[in-house]
């Protein structure tokens, strides 16, 4: 059986900073987190280190120092948890190990099992997800 991570509540799929650090480490990468230094000066960002309370942060694969005036326009320098395939072995391992600590803001991650030979896709409604067998559709 194949394992797939889904979000099991309304809100949307996201990973905690701790989970992001663990997945990046498994991929041989290091992640640096930044948030707005002040909501009234949105062009300044300060580095933050997990664990932190902020739900609004940026995950980067480059160290911009303690204070940055801007974030890179090159998105290959960003770590986006939504780009991780849901059947990625590192993702599965981190969700199993961290359990609820892997949940990002408004997420409740769950690992489900599906047959290996099924062509699948994730469907969602308001962030609540399920795995569906892929089929043909026309509009």
Foldseek 3Di string as FASTA:
>chain_A
DFKFKAFAFFDAADWAPVLLQQLQVVVVAGKWKWDQPDPVLNQKIATDDPPDDDLDIWIFRDDPDGMGRHDDPPCVGGDDPVPDGRRDPSSVVSCVVCPQNTGGPRTHMDMDDDDPPFQWDWDDDNRRIDIDGDDDDDD
